[in-house]
Amino acid sequence: MSAIDIYSPHYLTGYAYPWYMPRWMRSLPLPLLEFWSFGIKEALSCIFAVSFFLTLALSKLIPLGGLPRYDFVLLVALAVQFALVYYGLETKKELMAISLFHLLGLALEIFKTAPGIGSWSYPEFAYTKVFGAPLYSGFMHAAVASYMLQSWRHLSLRLTGYPHHSVAIALAAAIYLNFFTHHFIGDYRWPLTFILIAIFWRTKVHFKPMVREFWMPLPLAFLLIGFFVWIAENIATLFGGWQYPNQVSNWDIVHLGKISSWGLLVVITFVIVAELKLFSQRKENENKLTD
């Protein structure tokens, strides 16, 4: 097939165009269509995260009566999560995975906001605070998991060169523990980062915006997602979602070093999601063999 054929819309003969590609757009070159489709599918994957940040913004602008703002955010987050499952945008199994991320994230939030640690804080009152951390804070971590689960479906993700399950899980566990232990025995994020690169060096994540499949080195995907989460964190702190010590008097940009922290948190999320998906695939293959 020639380059002209590949970049021609005729390559899509018989393709069922989705609702976000109106008729006038279908004559555009294939790369533009793929770029548009990729952007739309990424946006659809961010439904929960976008709703969360919109809620934070609205909670600053609209009167809430006697309802504390953090409690309002929690109620909306619960309603959005229920709607995603009710309308089939997330399955009950995926909800279980997201709930796990909520618990892991909440445990981290409680530890990081403890008086003796003070990495960040939630200065406003809320009825739903647990040891200084509002319950809604776990949803910020769950939002990353929701994004990954949705992306896996929308972009038909698959992995090649993925390490053995025990190795990936052990690395994710070590990264998670380091967020706690580095306050007492030193920060090992950079050694863990080098180990991460070594383990996932040959791992590729394949994705399909339309009919053609593309791939990206998995460590690069971790970095990119971490960067965009860092941007989202800046927006969240601007709306008063939480507060770093350098933002107490006036809002300031979140330190660039947080990109590495979010990149490592993304690894934890990705490994759990990947293991869930790979486990489901293995079960499906076993069922096909027994049928």
C-alpha atoms as a PDB file:
ATOM      1  CA  MET A   1       0.000   0.000   0.000  1.00  0.00           C
ATOM      2  CA  SER A   2       1.385   3.402  -0.973  1.00  0.00           C
ATOM      3  CA  ALA A   3       1.671   6.437   1.257  1.00  0.00           C
ATOM      4  CA  ILE A   4      -1.090   8.093  -0.779  1.00  0.00           C
ATOM      5  CA  ASP A   5      -3.433   5.205  -0.021  1.00  0.00           C
ATOM      6  CA  ILE A   6      -2.630   5.316   3.693  1.00  0.00           C
ATOM      7  CA  TYR A   7      -3.288   9.049   3.998  1.00  0.00           C
ATOM      8  CA  SER A   8      -6.386   8.980   1.840  1.00  0.00           C
ATOM      9  CA  PRO A   9      -9.915   8.863   3.318  1.00  0.00           C
ATOM     10  CA  HIS A  10     -10.621   6.050   0.843  1.00  0.00           C
ATOM     11  CA  TYR A  11      -8.643   3.877   3.241  1.00  0.00           C
ATOM     12  CA  LEU A  12     -11.746   4.090   5.447  1.00  0.00           C
ATOM     13  CA  THR A  13     -14.116   2.547   2.921  1.00  0.00           C
ATOM     14  CA  GLY A  14     -16.723   0.631   4.887  1.00  0.00           C
ATOM     15  CA  TYR A  15     -15.689   2.273   8.172  1.00  0.00           C
ATOM     16  CA  ALA A  16     -18.632   3.065  10.459  1.00  0.00           C
ATOM     17  CA  TYR A  17     -18.083   6.728  11.232  1.00  0.00           C
ATOM     18  CA  PRO A  18     -18.930   7.688  14.838  1.00  0.00           C
ATOM     19  CA  TRP A  19     -21.251  10.524  15.827  1.00  0.00           C
ATOM     20  CA  TYR A  20     -18.388  12.984  16.333  1.00  0.00           C
ATOM     21  CA  MET A  21     -17.356  12.838  12.665  1.00  0.00           C
ATOM     22  CA  PRO A  22     -19.961  14.720  10.619  1.00  0.00           C
ATOM     23  CA  ARG A  23     -20.175  14.128   6.884  1.00  0.00           C
ATOM     24  CA  TRP A  24     -18.218  17.246   5.914  1.00  0.00           C
ATOM     25  CA  MET A  25     -15.249  16.081   7.986  1.00  0.00           C
ATOM     26  CA  ARG A  26     -14.941  12.646   6.375  1.00  0.00           C
ATOM     27  CA  SER A  27     -13.105  13.926   3.306  1.00  0.00           C
ATOM     28  CA  LEU A  28     -10.187  15.199   5.402  1.00  0.00           C
ATOM     29  CA  PRO A  29      -6.839  13.348   5.292  1.00  0.00           C
ATOM     30  CA  LEU A  30      -6.709  10.281   7.495  1.00  0.00           C
ATOM     31  CA  PRO A  31      -4.071  11.668   9.926  1.00  0.00           C
ATOM     32  CA  LEU A  32      -6.357  14.620  10.725  1.00  0.00           C
ATOM     33  CA  LEU A  33      -9.293  12.294  11.274  1.00  0.00           C
ATOM     34  CA  GLU A  34      -7.184  10.101  13.539  1.00  0.00           C
ATOM     35  CA  PHE A  35      -5.951  13.099  15.506  1.00  0.00           C
ATOM     36  CA  TRP A  36      -9.538  14.332  15.943  1.00  0.00           C
ATOM     37  CA  SER A  37     -10.753  10.876  16.945  1.00  0.00           C
ATOM     38  CA  PHE A  38      -7.899  10.483  19.431  1.00  0.00           C
ATOM     39  CA  GLY A  39      -8.741  13.843  21.031  1.00  0.00           C
ATOM     40  CA  ILE A  40     -12.442  13.020  21.313  1.00  0.00           C
ATOM     41  CA  LYS A  41     -11.777   9.597  22.816  1.00  0.00           C
ATOM     42  CA  GLU A  42      -9.333  11.085  25.312  1.00  0.00           C
ATOM     43  CA  ALA A  43     -11.953  13.673  26.275  1.00  0.00           C
ATOM     44  CA  LEU A  44     -14.580  10.947  26.716  1.00  0.00           C
ATOM     45  CA  SER A  45     -12.120   9.047  28.909  1.00  0.00           C
ATOM     46  CA  CYS A  46     -11.836  12.098  31.164  1.00  0.00           C
ATOM     47  CA  ILE A  47     -15.564  12.387  31.933  1.00  0.00           C
ATOM     48  CA  PHE A  48     -15.134  11.721  35.633  1.00  0.00           C
ATOM     49  CA  ALA A  49     -12.019  13.893  35.996  1.00  0.00           C
ATOM     50  CA  VAL A  50     -13.584  16.820  34.102  1.00  0.00           C
ATOM     51  CA  SER A  51     -16.782  16.607  36.157  1.00  0.00           C
ATOM     52  CA  PHE A  52     -14.668  16.622  39.314  1.00  0.00           C
ATOM     53  CA  PHE A  53     -12.790  19.802  38.386  1.00  0.00           C
ATOM     54  CA  LEU A  54     -15.968  21.516  37.176  1.00  0.00           C
ATOM     55  CA  THR A  55     -17.518  20.706  40.546  1.00  0.00           C
ATOM     56  CA  LEU A  56     -14.557  22.271  42.342  1.00  0.00           C
ATOM     57  CA  ALA A  57     -14.946  25.400  40.237  1.00  0.00           C
ATOM     58  CA  LEU A  58     -18.718  25.601  40.713  1.00  0.00           C
ATOM     59  CA  SER A  59     -18.377  25.106  44.450  1.00  0.00           C
ATOM     60  CA  LYS A  60     -16.425  28.377  44.555  1.00  0.00           C
ATOM     61  CA  LEU A  61     -19.016  30.267  42.527  1.00  0.00           C
ATOM     62  CA  ILE A  62     -22.458  29.105  43.629  1.00  0.00           C
ATOM     63  CA  PRO A  63     -24.027  29.486  47.094  1.00  0.00           C
ATOM     64  CA  LEU A  64     -24.223  26.182  48.951  1.00  0.00           C
ATOM     65  CA  GLY A  65     -26.239  27.319  51.947  1.00  0.00           C
ATOM     66  CA  GLY A  66     -25.017  25.541  55.042  1.00  0.00           C
ATOM     67  CA  LEU A  67     -23.438  22.662  53.129  1.00  0.00           C
ATOM     68  CA  PRO A  68     -19.632  22.632  53.451  1.00  0.00           C
ATOM     69  CA  ARG A  69     -17.899  22.813  50.080  1.00  0.00           C
ATOM     70  CA  TYR A  70     -15.916  19.594  50.519  1.00  0.00           C
ATOM     71  CA  ASP A  71     -19.127  17.724  51.330  1.00  0.00           C
ATOM     72  CA  PHE A  72     -20.792  19.155  48.211  1.00  0.00           C
ATOM     73  CA  VAL A  73     -17.889  17.926  46.062  1.00  0.00           C
ATOM     74  CA  LEU A  74     -18.190  14.459  47.612  1.00  0.00           C
ATOM     75  CA  LEU A  75     -21.937  14.254  46.908  1.00  0.00           C
ATOM     76  CA  VAL A  76     -21.460  15.266  43.266  1.00  0.00           C
ATOM     77  CA  ALA A  77     -18.567  12.809  42.831  1.00  0.00           C
ATOM     78  CA  LEU A  78     -20.733   9.988  44.200  1.00  0.00           C
ATOM     79  CA  ALA A  79     -23.609  10.980  41.897  1.00  0.00           C
ATOM     80  CA  VAL A  80     -21.331  11.058  38.831  1.00  0.00           C
ATOM     81  CA  GLN A  81     -19.839   7.684  39.729  1.00  0.00           C
ATOM     82  CA  PHE A  82     -23.311   6.193  40.126  1.00  0.00           C
ATOM     83  CA  ALA A  83     -24.370   7.639  36.755  1.00  0.00           C
ATOM     84  CA  LEU A  84     -21.322   6.180  34.984  1.00  0.00           C
ATOM     85  CA  VAL A  85     -22.180   2.697  36.216  1.00  0.00           C
ATOM     86  CA  TYR A  86     -25.949   3.075  35.761  1.00  0.00           C
ATOM     87  CA  TYR A  87     -25.608   4.138  32.121  1.00  0.00           C
ATOM     88  CA  GLY A  88     -23.045   1.453  31.334  1.00  0.00           C
ATOM     89  CA  LEU A  89     -20.029   3.727  30.903  1.00  0.00           C
ATOM     90  CA  GLU A  90     -18.271   1.720  33.623  1.00  0.00           C
ATOM     91  CA  THR A  91     -18.863  -1.850  34.699  1.00  0.00           C
ATOM     92  CA  LYS A  92     -19.327  -3.096  38.252  1.00  0.00           C
ATOM     93  CA  LYS A  93     -15.906  -4.784  38.078  1.00  0.00           C
ATOM     94  CA  GLU A  94     -14.359  -1.487  37.048  1.00  0.00           C
ATOM     95  CA  LEU A  95     -16.195   0.201  39.915  1.00  0.00           C
ATOM     96  CA  MET A  96     -14.509  -2.243  42.295  1.00  0.00           C
ATOM     97  CA  ALA A  97     -11.097  -1.290  40.863  1.00  0.00           C
ATOM     98  CA  ILE A  98     -11.926   2.412  41.145  1.00  0.00           C
ATOM     99  CA  SER A  99     -13.045   1.884  44.754  1.00  0.00           C
ATOM    100  CA  LEU A 100      -9.686   0.282  45.484  1.00  0.00           C
ATOM    101  CA  PHE A 101      -7.928   3.377  44.134  1.00  0.00           C
ATOM    102  CA  HIS A 102     -10.185   5.542  46.264  1.00  0.00           C
ATOM    103  CA  LEU A 103      -9.115   3.653  49.391  1.00  0.00           C
ATOM    104  CA  LEU A 104      -5.417   3.684  48.453  1.00  0.00           C
ATOM    105  CA  GLY A 105      -5.627   7.390  47.665  1.00  0.00           C
ATOM    106  CA  LEU A 106      -7.529   8.214  50.841  1.00  0.00           C
ATOM    107  CA  ALA A 107      -4.965   6.366  52.968  1.00  0.00           C
ATOM    108  CA  LEU A 108      -2.217   8.408  51.313  1.00  0.00           C
ATOM    109  CA  GLU A 109      -4.181  11.637  51.807  1.00  0.00           C
ATOM    110  CA  ILE A 110      -4.735  10.932  55.520  1.00  0.00           C
ATOM    111  CA  PHE A 111      -1.031  10.265  56.007  1.00  0.00           C
ATOM    112  CA  LYS A 112       0.184  13.262  53.986  1.00  0.00           C
ATOM    113  CA  THR A 113      -2.130  15.706  55.778  1.00  0.00           C
ATOM    114  CA  ALA A 114      -1.264  14.446  59.273  1.00  0.00           C
ATOM    115  CA  PRO A 115       0.094  17.202  61.567  1.00  0.00           C
ATOM    116  CA  GLY A 116       3.545  15.624  61.753  1.00  0.00           C
ATOM    117  CA  ILE A 117       3.835  15.352  57.960  1.00  0.00           C
ATOM    118  CA  GLY A 118       1.947  18.328  56.496  1.00  0.00           C
ATOM    119  CA  SER A 119       2.750  17.766  52.828  1.00  0.00           C
ATOM    120  CA  TRP A 120      -0.492  19.562  51.957  1.00  0.00           C
ATOM    121  CA  SER A 121      -3.732  20.456  53.727  1.00  0.00           C
ATOM    122  CA  TYR A 122      -7.493  20.837  53.405  1.00  0.00           C
ATOM    123  CA  PRO A 123      -8.119  23.989  55.430  1.00  0.00           C
ATOM    124  CA  GLU A 124     -11.921  24.159  55.092  1.00  0.00           C
ATOM    125  CA  PHE A 125     -14.428  22.530  57.422  1.00  0.00           C
ATOM    126  CA  ALA A 126     -16.320  19.426  56.309  1.00  0.00           C
ATOM    127  CA  TYR A 127     -18.517  16.862  58.025  1.00  0.00           C
ATOM    128  CA  THR A 128     -16.927  14.135  55.933  1.00  0.00           C
ATOM    129  CA  LYS A 129     -13.328  14.681  56.970  1.00  0.00           C
ATOM    130  CA  VAL A 130     -11.381  11.672  58.234  1.00  0.00           C
ATOM    131  CA  PHE A 131      -8.273  12.579  60.251  1.00  0.00           C
ATOM    132  CA  GLY A 132      -7.950  15.865  58.377  1.00  0.00           C
ATOM    133  CA  ALA A 133      -8.584  14.548  54.854  1.00  0.00           C
ATOM    134  CA  PRO A 134     -12.028  14.915  53.247  1.00  0.00           C
ATOM    135  CA  LEU A 135     -13.508  11.738  51.786  1.00  0.00           C
ATOM    136  CA  TYR A 136     -13.731  13.369  48.374  1.00  0.00           C
ATOM    137  CA  SER A 137      -9.915  13.439  48.196  1.00  0.00           C
ATOM    138  CA  GLY A 138      -9.846   9.735  47.376  1.00  0.00           C
ATOM    139  CA  PHE A 139     -11.840  10.482  44.221  1.00  0.00           C
ATOM    140  CA  MET A 140      -8.932  12.503  42.849  1.00  0.00           C
ATOM    141  CA  HIS A 141      -6.904   9.305  42.695  1.00  0.00           C
ATOM    142  CA  ALA A 142      -9.913   7.328  41.488  1.00  0.00           C
ATOM    143  CA  ALA A 143     -10.286   9.835  38.633  1.00  0.00           C
ATOM    144  CA  VAL A 144      -6.936   8.688  37.211  1.00  0.00           C
ATOM    145  CA  ALA A 145      -8.103   5.076  37.381  1.00  0.00           C
ATOM    146  CA  SER A 146     -11.386   5.986  35.690  1.00  0.00           C
ATOM    147  CA  TYR A 147      -9.443   7.701  32.895  1.00  0.00           C
ATOM    148  CA  MET A 148      -7.299   4.622  32.321  1.00  0.00           C
ATOM    149  CA  LEU A 149     -10.239   2.231  32.331  1.00  0.00           C
ATOM    150  CA  GLN A 150     -12.129   4.408  29.862  1.00  0.00           C
ATOM    151  CA  SER A 151      -9.055   4.852  27.641  1.00  0.00           C
ATOM    152  CA  TRP A 152      -8.534   1.100  27.572  1.00  0.00           C
ATOM    153  CA  ARG A 153     -12.015   0.693  26.126  1.00  0.00           C
ATOM    154  CA  HIS A 154     -12.201   3.717  23.802  1.00  0.00           C
ATOM    155  CA  LEU A 155      -8.739   3.290  22.290  1.00  0.00           C
ATOM    156  CA  SER A 156      -8.645  -0.535  22.290  1.00  0.00           C
ATOM    157  CA  LEU A 157      -5.434  -0.558  24.303  1.00  0.00           C
ATOM    158  CA  ARG A 158      -3.195  -3.600  24.367  1.00  0.00           C
ATOM    159  CA  LEU A 159       0.291  -4.237  25.748  1.00  0.00           C
ATOM    160  CA  THR A 160       3.324  -6.000  24.342  1.00  0.00           C
ATOM    161  CA  GLY A 161       6.516  -6.743  26.230  1.00  0.00           C
ATOM    162  CA  TYR A 162       4.743  -6.466  29.575  1.00  0.00           C
ATOM    163  CA  PRO A 163       6.869  -7.826  32.456  1.00  0.00           C
ATOM    164  CA  HIS A 164       5.891 -10.769  34.628  1.00  0.00           C
ATOM    165  CA  HIS A 165       2.915  -9.978  36.841  1.00  0.00           C
ATOM    166  CA  SER A 166       4.820 -10.473  40.111  1.00  0.00           C
ATOM    167  CA  VAL A 167       7.540  -8.030  39.008  1.00  0.00           C
ATOM    168  CA  ALA A 168       5.066  -5.323  38.002  1.00  0.00           C
ATOM    169  CA  ILE A 169       3.025  -5.716  41.200  1.00  0.00           C
ATOM    170  CA  ALA A 170       6.153  -5.673  43.407  1.00  0.00           C
ATOM    171  CA  LEU A 171       7.343  -2.458  41.741  1.00  0.00           C
ATOM    172  CA  ALA A 172       3.939  -0.801  42.182  1.00  0.00           C
ATOM    173  CA  ALA A 173       3.896  -1.803  45.862  1.00  0.00           C
ATOM    174  CA  ALA A 174       7.416  -0.424  46.413  1.00  0.00           C
ATOM    175  CA  ILE A 175       6.456   2.883  44.776  1.00  0.00           C
ATOM    176  CA  TYR A 176       3.352   3.192  46.942  1.00  0.00           C
ATOM    177  CA  LEU A 177       5.264   2.420  50.141  1.00  0.00           C
ATOM    178  CA  ASN A 178       7.926   4.984  49.258  1.00  0.00           C
ATOM    179  CA  PHE A 179       5.321   7.748  49.449  1.00  0.00           C
ATOM    180  CA  PHE A 180       5.044   6.883  53.155  1.00  0.00           C
ATOM    181  CA  THR A 181       8.538   5.734  54.108  1.00  0.00           C
ATOM    182  CA  HIS A 182      10.477   8.578  52.477  1.00  0.00           C
ATOM    183  CA  HIS A 183       9.544  10.762  55.460  1.00  0.00           C
ATOM    184  CA  PHE A 184      11.527   8.419  57.703  1.00  0.00           C
ATOM    185  CA  ILE A 185      14.207   6.503  55.760  1.00  0.00           C
ATOM    186  CA  GLY A 186      14.883   8.653  52.706  1.00  0.00           C
ATOM    187  CA  ASP A 187      13.275   9.183  49.328  1.00  0.00           C
ATOM    188  CA  TYR A 188      13.979   6.424  46.805  1.00  0.00           C
ATOM    189  CA  ARG A 189      11.841   7.760  43.959  1.00  0.00           C
ATOM    190  CA  TRP A 190      14.768   8.124  41.559  1.00  0.00           C
ATOM    191  CA  PRO A 191      16.165   4.605  42.116  1.00  0.00           C
ATOM    192  CA  LEU A 192      12.592   3.356  41.704  1.00  0.00           C
ATOM    193  CA  THR A 193      12.273   5.420  38.515  1.00  0.00           C
ATOM    194  CA  PHE A 194      15.410   3.823  37.056  1.00  0.00           C
ATOM    195  CA  ILE A 195      14.110   0.376  38.025  1.00  0.00           C
ATOM    196  CA  LEU A 196      10.794   1.284  36.419  1.00  0.00           C
ATOM    197  CA  ILE A 197      12.478   2.239  33.141  1.00  0.00           C
ATOM    198  CA  ALA A 198      14.527  -0.964  33.173  1.00  0.00           C
ATOM    199  CA  ILE A 199      11.466  -3.145  33.811  1.00  0.00           C
ATOM    200  CA  PHE A 200       9.200  -1.462  31.261  1.00  0.00           C
ATOM    201  CA  TRP A 201      11.904  -0.594  28.712  1.00  0.00           C
ATOM    202  CA  ARG A 202      10.505  -2.990  26.115  1.00  0.00           C
ATOM    203  CA  THR A 203       6.850  -2.526  27.005  1.00  0.00           C
ATOM    204  CA  LYS A 204       4.721  -0.825  24.384  1.00  0.00           C
ATOM    205  CA  VAL A 205       1.166   0.388  24.773  1.00  0.00           C
ATOM    206  CA  HIS A 206      -0.760   0.043  21.513  1.00  0.00           C
ATOM    207  CA  PHE A 207      -3.798   2.214  20.833  1.00  0.00           C
ATOM    208  CA  LYS A 208      -6.230   2.594  17.961  1.00  0.00           C
ATOM    209  CA  PRO A 209      -7.902   5.994  17.399  1.00  0.00           C
ATOM    210  CA  MET A 210      -9.742   4.667  14.330  1.00  0.00           C
ATOM    211  CA  VAL A 211      -8.633   1.764  12.132  1.00  0.00           C
ATOM    212  CA  ARG A 212      -4.858   2.012  12.323  1.00  0.00           C
ATOM    213  CA  GLU A 213      -2.932   1.034  15.421  1.00  0.00           C
ATOM    214  CA  PHE A 214      -0.139   3.126  16.912  1.00  0.00           C
ATOM    215  CA  TRP A 215       2.181   2.482  19.827  1.00  0.00           C
ATOM    216  CA  MET A 216       4.118   4.372  22.457  1.00  0.00           C
ATOM    217  CA  PRO A 217       6.816   3.284  24.932  1.00  0.00           C
ATOM    218  CA  LEU A 218       5.046   2.724  28.239  1.00  0.00           C
ATOM    219  CA  PRO A 219       7.521   4.811  30.334  1.00  0.00           C
ATOM    220  CA  LEU A 220       6.817   7.771  28.031  1.00  0.00           C
ATOM    221  CA  ALA A 221       3.082   7.270  28.573  1.00  0.00           C
ATOM    222  CA  PHE A 222       3.657   7.370  32.352  1.00  0.00           C
ATOM    223  CA  LEU A 223       5.529  10.661  32.035  1.00  0.00           C
ATOM    224  CA  LEU A 224       2.922  12.273  29.782  1.00  0.00           C
ATOM    225  CA  ILE A 225       0.010  11.275  32.003  1.00  0.00           C
ATOM    226  CA  GLY A 226       1.922  12.485  35.060  1.00  0.00           C
ATOM    227  CA  PHE A 227       2.486  15.846  33.350  1.00  0.00           C
ATOM    228  CA  PHE A 228      -1.183  16.308  32.511  1.00  0.00           C
ATOM    229  CA  VAL A 229      -2.213  15.287  36.036  1.00  0.00           C
ATOM    230  CA  TRP A 230       0.214  17.935  37.318  1.00  0.00           C
ATOM    231  CA  ILE A 231      -1.566  20.523  35.134  1.00  0.00           C
ATOM    232  CA  ALA A 232      -4.888  19.320  36.553  1.00  0.00           C
ATOM    233  CA  GLU A 233      -3.445  19.632  40.062  1.00  0.00           C
ATOM    234  CA  ASN A 234      -2.590  23.270  39.415  1.00  0.00           C
ATOM    235  CA  ILE A 235      -6.201  23.887  38.364  1.00  0.00           C
ATOM    236  CA  ALA A 236      -7.514  22.047  41.427  1.00  0.00           C
ATOM    237  CA  THR A 237      -5.368  24.033  43.869  1.00  0.00           C
ATOM    238  CA  LEU A 238      -6.355  27.257  42.098  1.00  0.00           C
ATOM    239  CA  PHE A 239      -9.992  26.384  42.877  1.00  0.00           C
ATOM    240  CA  GLY A 240      -9.085  25.558  46.483  1.00  0.00           C
ATOM    241  CA  GLY A 241      -9.320  21.788  46.216  1.00  0.00           C
ATOM    242  CA  TRP A 242      -6.372  21.552  48.589  1.00  0.00           C
ATOM    243  CA  GLN A 243      -3.365  23.615  49.575  1.00  0.00           C
ATOM    244  CA  TYR A 244       0.399  23.185  49.557  1.00  0.00           C
ATOM    245  CA  PRO A 245       2.499  25.071  52.138  1.00  0.00           C
ATOM    246  CA  ASN A 246       3.661  27.577  49.490  1.00  0.00           C
ATOM    247  CA  GLN A 247       0.025  28.352  48.598  1.00  0.00           C
ATOM    248  CA  VAL A 248      -1.255  29.362  52.044  1.00  0.00           C
ATOM    249  CA  SER A 249      -0.978  33.141  51.556  1.00  0.00           C
ATOM    250  CA  ASN A 250      -1.362  33.304  47.783  1.00  0.00           C
ATOM    251  CA  TRP A 251      -1.839  30.699  45.095  1.00  0.00           C
ATOM    252  CA  ASP A 252       1.396  29.631  43.437  1.00  0.00           C
ATOM    253  CA  ILE A 253       2.206  27.058  40.778  1.00  0.00           C
ATOM    254  CA  VAL A 254       2.685  23.517  42.050  1.00  0.00           C
ATOM    255  CA  HIS A 255       6.358  22.567  42.186  1.00  0.00           C
ATOM    256  CA  LEU A 256       7.632  20.881  39.029  1.00  0.00           C
ATOM    257  CA  GLY A 257       8.966  18.032  41.166  1.00  0.00           C
ATOM    258  CA  LYS A 258       5.358  16.894  41.616  1.00  0.00           C
ATOM    259  CA  ILE A 259       5.388  15.686  37.998  1.00  0.00           C
ATOM    260  CA  SER A 260       7.669  12.826  39.036  1.00  0.00           C
ATOM    261  CA  SER A 261       5.405  12.061  42.003  1.00  0.00           C
ATOM    262  CA  TRP A 262       2.323  11.910  39.809  1.00  0.00           C
ATOM    263  CA  GLY A 263       4.187   9.884  37.201  1.00  0.00           C
ATOM    264  CA  LEU A 264       4.954   7.274  39.856  1.00  0.00           C
ATOM    265  CA  LEU A 265       1.378   7.312  41.137  1.00  0.00           C
ATOM    266  CA  VAL A 266       0.272   6.727  37.558  1.00  0.00           C
ATOM    267  CA  VAL A 267       2.450   3.594  37.517  1.00  0.00           C
ATOM    268  CA  ILE A 268       0.564   2.204  40.526  1.00  0.00           C
ATOM    269  CA  THR A 269      -2.766   2.919  38.865  1.00  0.00           C
ATOM    270  CA  PHE A 270      -1.710   1.504  35.514  1.00  0.00           C
ATOM    271  CA  VAL A 271      -0.341  -1.731  36.964  1.00  0.00           C
ATOM    272  CA  ILE A 272      -3.570  -2.451  38.850  1.00  0.00           C
ATOM    273  CA  VAL A 273      -5.705  -1.633  35.786  1.00  0.00           C
ATOM    274  CA  ALA A 274      -3.433  -3.690  33.507  1.00  0.00           C
ATOM    275  CA  GLU A 275      -3.499  -6.655  35.861  1.00  0.00           C
ATOM    276  CA  LEU A 276      -7.295  -6.450  36.007  1.00  0.00           C
ATOM    277  CA  LYS A 277      -7.551  -6.359  32.216  1.00  0.00           C
ATOM    278  CA  LEU A 278      -4.977  -9.122  31.669  1.00  0.00           C
ATOM    279  CA  PHE A 279      -6.681 -11.300  34.256  1.00  0.00           C
ATOM    280  CA  SER A 280     -10.017 -10.827  32.475  1.00  0.00           C
ATOM    281  CA  GLN A 281      -8.405 -11.726  29.149  1.00  0.00           C
ATOM    282  CA  ARG A 282      -6.878 -14.891  30.608  1.00  0.00           C
ATOM    283  CA  LYS A 283     -10.270 -15.913  32.006  1.00  0.00           C
ATOM    284  CA  GLU A 284     -11.941 -15.330  28.635  1.00  0.00           C
ATOM    285  CA  ASN A 285      -9.302 -17.410  26.865  1.00  0.00           C
ATOM    286  CA  GLU A 286      -9.707 -20.239  29.397  1.00  0.00           C
ATOM    287  CA  ASN A 287     -13.480 -20.202  28.930  1.00  0.00           C
ATOM    288  CA  LYS A 288     -13.067 -20.399  25.144  1.00  0.00           C
ATOM    289  CA  LEU A 289     -10.797 -23.438  25.510  1.00  0.00           C
ATOM    290  CA  THR A 290     -13.247 -25.229  27.788  1.00  0.00           C
ATOM    291  CA  ASP A 291     -16.286 -24.497  25.593  1.00  0.00           C
END
